[in-house]
């Protein structure tokens, strides 16, 4: 049998530029990353700066449900 993962969960990070109407965007779409986090150590939602291919720059990615 496999190990119990415990308090680690898989989360999805979504770019915060998804609602902005910027004419300089290369293509329309939503950029998402998936990662894991420990619910015990970080109970709040994550916010990380990562590279967005649609904005072509580093943007703030927020955790979604």
N, C-alpha and C. Protein backbone atom coordinates (compact mmCIF):
# COMPACT_ATOMS: atom_id res chain seq x y z
N UNK A 1 0.84 -1.19 0.00
CA UNK A 1 0.00 0.00 0.00
C UNK A 1 0.88 1.24 0.00
N UNK A 2 0.33 2.33 -0.54
CA UNK A 2 1.05 3.59 -0.59
C UNK A 2 0.99 4.33 0.72
N UNK A 3 1.84 5.31 0.84
CA UNK A 3 1.87 6.12 2.05
C UNK A 3 0.73 7.12 2.05
N UNK A 4 0.32 7.50 3.26
CA UNK A 4 -0.69 8.53 3.42
C UNK A 4 -0.01 9.89 3.25
N UNK A 5 -0.55 10.75 2.41
CA UNK A 5 0.06 12.05 2.17
C UNK A 5 -0.11 13.00 3.34
N UNK A 6 -1.03 12.75 4.23
CA UNK A 6 -1.20 13.60 5.40
C UNK A 6 -1.84 14.92 5.05
N UNK A 7 -1.17 16.00 5.44
CA UNK A 7 -1.77 17.32 5.27
C UNK A 7 -1.33 18.01 3.98
N UNK A 8 -0.62 17.32 3.10
CA UNK A 8 -0.21 17.94 1.83
C UNK A 8 -1.34 17.81 0.81
N UNK A 9 -1.65 18.93 0.15
CA UNK A 9 -2.70 18.95 -0.85
C UNK A 9 -2.16 19.57 -2.14
N UNK A 10 -2.75 19.18 -3.27
CA UNK A 10 -2.41 19.77 -4.56
C UNK A 10 -3.26 21.01 -4.77
N UNK A 11 -2.62 22.11 -5.15
CA UNK A 11 -3.34 23.36 -5.38
C UNK A 11 -3.07 23.85 -6.79
N UNK A 12 -3.92 24.76 -7.26
CA UNK A 12 -3.77 25.38 -8.57
C UNK A 12 -3.54 26.86 -8.37
N UNK A 13 -2.51 27.39 -9.05
CA UNK A 13 -2.20 28.82 -9.02
C UNK A 13 -2.62 29.42 -10.35
N UNK A 14 -3.35 30.54 -10.30
CA UNK A 14 -3.84 31.18 -11.51
C UNK A 14 -3.34 32.60 -11.59
N UNK A 15 -3.01 33.05 -12.79
CA UNK A 15 -2.47 34.39 -12.99
C UNK A 15 -3.51 35.45 -12.64
N UNK A 16 -3.06 36.54 -12.01
CA UNK A 16 -3.97 37.60 -11.61
C UNK A 16 -4.34 38.50 -12.78
N UNK A 17 -3.70 38.33 -13.93
CA UNK A 17 -3.99 39.17 -15.11
C UNK A 17 -5.16 38.63 -15.91
N UNK A 18 -5.80 37.58 -15.47
CA UNK A 18 -6.83 36.93 -16.28
C UNK A 18 -8.04 37.82 -16.54
N UNK A 19 -8.32 38.81 -15.65
CA UNK A 19 -9.48 39.67 -15.83
C UNK A 19 -9.16 41.01 -16.46
N UNK A 20 -7.88 41.32 -16.61
CA UNK A 20 -7.51 42.62 -17.16
C UNK A 20 -7.62 42.60 -18.68
N UNK A 21 -8.06 43.68 -19.25
CA UNK A 21 -8.19 43.81 -20.70
C UNK A 21 -7.01 44.64 -21.21
N UNK A 22 -5.90 43.99 -21.46
CA UNK A 22 -4.70 44.66 -21.93
C UNK A 22 -4.50 44.35 -23.41
N UNK A 23 -4.31 45.38 -24.22
CA UNK A 23 -4.15 45.17 -25.66
C UNK A 23 -2.76 44.67 -26.02
N UNK A 24 -1.81 44.71 -25.08
CA UNK A 24 -0.45 44.27 -25.36
C UNK A 24 -0.27 42.76 -25.16
N UNK A 25 -1.33 42.05 -24.80
CA UNK A 25 -1.20 40.61 -24.59
C UNK A 25 -0.99 39.91 -25.93
N UNK A 26 -0.17 38.86 -25.90
CA UNK A 26 0.11 38.12 -27.13
C UNK A 26 -1.09 37.30 -27.55
N UNK A 27 -1.65 36.54 -26.61
CA UNK A 27 -2.82 35.72 -26.89
C UNK A 27 -3.76 35.78 -25.70
N UNK A 28 -5.00 35.40 -25.92
CA UNK A 28 -5.95 35.37 -24.82
C UNK A 28 -5.93 33.99 -24.20
N UNK A 29 -6.04 33.92 -22.88
CA UNK A 29 -6.03 32.65 -22.20
C UNK A 29 -5.76 32.83 -20.73
N UNK A 30 -5.73 31.72 -20.02
CA UNK A 30 -5.47 31.74 -18.59
C UNK A 30 -4.25 30.87 -18.33
N UNK A 31 -3.27 31.42 -17.65
CA UNK A 31 -2.06 30.68 -17.31
C UNK A 31 -2.22 30.09 -15.92
N UNK A 32 -1.96 28.80 -15.76
CA UNK A 32 -2.10 28.14 -14.46
C UNK A 32 -0.90 27.25 -14.19
N UNK A 33 -0.52 27.18 -12.92
CA UNK A 33 0.50 26.26 -12.42
C UNK A 33 -0.15 25.37 -11.37
N UNK A 34 0.35 24.15 -11.21
CA UNK A 34 -0.08 23.30 -10.11
C UNK A 34 1.12 23.00 -9.23
N UNK A 35 0.87 22.91 -7.93
CA UNK A 35 1.92 22.64 -6.96
C UNK A 35 1.28 22.02 -5.72
N UNK A 36 2.10 21.65 -4.75
CA UNK A 36 1.61 21.10 -3.50
C UNK A 36 1.96 22.04 -2.36
N UNK A 37 1.14 22.02 -1.32
CA UNK A 37 1.44 22.80 -0.13
C UNK A 37 1.01 22.02 1.09
N UNK A 38 1.59 22.36 2.23
CA UNK A 38 1.23 21.75 3.50
C UNK A 38 0.18 22.62 4.15
N UNK A 39 -1.02 22.05 4.38
CA UNK A 39 -2.11 22.83 4.95
C UNK A 39 -1.82 23.28 6.38
N UNK A 40 -1.04 22.50 7.10
CA UNK A 40 -0.74 22.86 8.50
C UNK A 40 0.19 24.07 8.58
N UNK A 41 1.19 24.13 7.71
CA UNK A 41 2.15 25.22 7.76
C UNK A 41 1.64 26.49 7.09
N UNK A 42 0.86 26.35 6.03
CA UNK A 42 0.34 27.52 5.30
C UNK A 42 -1.17 27.38 5.13
N UNK A 43 -1.94 27.75 6.15
CA UNK A 43 -3.40 27.60 6.05
C UNK A 43 -4.05 28.63 5.12
N UNK A 44 -3.38 29.77 4.90
CA UNK A 44 -3.94 30.80 4.04
C UNK A 44 -3.64 30.49 2.57
N UNK A 45 -4.22 31.25 1.66
CA UNK A 45 -4.01 31.04 0.23
C UNK A 45 -2.65 31.58 -0.20
N UNK A 46 -1.98 30.84 -1.05
CA UNK A 46 -0.66 31.24 -1.52
C UNK A 46 -0.76 32.33 -2.60
N UNK A 47 0.22 33.21 -2.59
CA UNK A 47 0.39 34.21 -3.65
C UNK A 47 1.87 34.24 -4.00
N UNK A 48 2.21 33.83 -5.23
CA UNK A 48 3.60 33.70 -5.65
C UNK A 48 3.78 34.42 -6.98
N UNK A 49 4.91 35.12 -7.15
CA UNK A 49 5.22 35.73 -8.43
C UNK A 49 5.89 34.68 -9.32
N UNK A 50 5.27 34.42 -10.49
CA UNK A 50 5.80 33.47 -11.45
C UNK A 50 5.65 34.07 -12.85
N UNK A 51 6.27 33.41 -13.83
CA UNK A 51 6.23 33.92 -15.20
C UNK A 51 4.94 33.51 -15.89
N UNK A 52 4.27 34.48 -16.51
CA UNK A 52 3.04 34.24 -17.26
C UNK A 52 3.37 34.32 -18.74
N UNK A 53 3.09 33.26 -19.48
CA UNK A 53 3.36 33.24 -20.91
C UNK A 53 2.45 34.17 -21.69
N UNK A 54 1.24 34.41 -21.19
CA UNK A 54 0.30 35.25 -21.90
C UNK A 54 0.61 36.74 -21.73
N UNK A 55 1.13 37.12 -20.55
CA UNK A 55 1.52 38.52 -20.31
C UNK A 55 2.95 38.77 -20.77
N UNK A 56 3.73 37.70 -20.85
CA UNK A 56 5.14 37.75 -21.21
C UNK A 56 5.95 38.51 -20.15
N UNK A 57 5.56 38.37 -18.87
CA UNK A 57 6.29 38.98 -17.77
C UNK A 57 5.92 38.26 -16.47
N UNK A 58 6.61 38.58 -15.41
CA UNK A 58 6.33 37.98 -14.11
C UNK A 58 5.11 38.66 -13.50
N UNK A 59 4.14 37.85 -13.09
CA UNK A 59 2.89 38.33 -12.51
C UNK A 59 2.63 37.59 -11.21
N UNK A 60 1.68 38.10 -10.44
CA UNK A 60 1.28 37.48 -9.18
C UNK A 60 0.29 36.36 -9.48
N UNK A 61 0.60 35.16 -9.02
CA UNK A 61 -0.29 34.01 -9.18
C UNK A 61 -0.94 33.72 -7.83
N UNK A 62 -2.28 33.58 -7.82
CA UNK A 62 -3.00 33.35 -6.59
C UNK A 62 -3.63 31.96 -6.62
N UNK A 63 -3.75 31.38 -5.44
CA UNK A 63 -4.33 30.04 -5.30
C UNK A 63 -5.84 30.11 -5.54
N UNK A 64 -6.35 29.16 -6.33
CA UNK A 64 -7.79 29.05 -6.56
C UNK A 64 -8.26 27.72 -6.00
N UNK A 65 -9.57 27.55 -5.90
CA UNK A 65 -10.10 26.30 -5.34
C UNK A 65 -9.99 25.17 -6.32
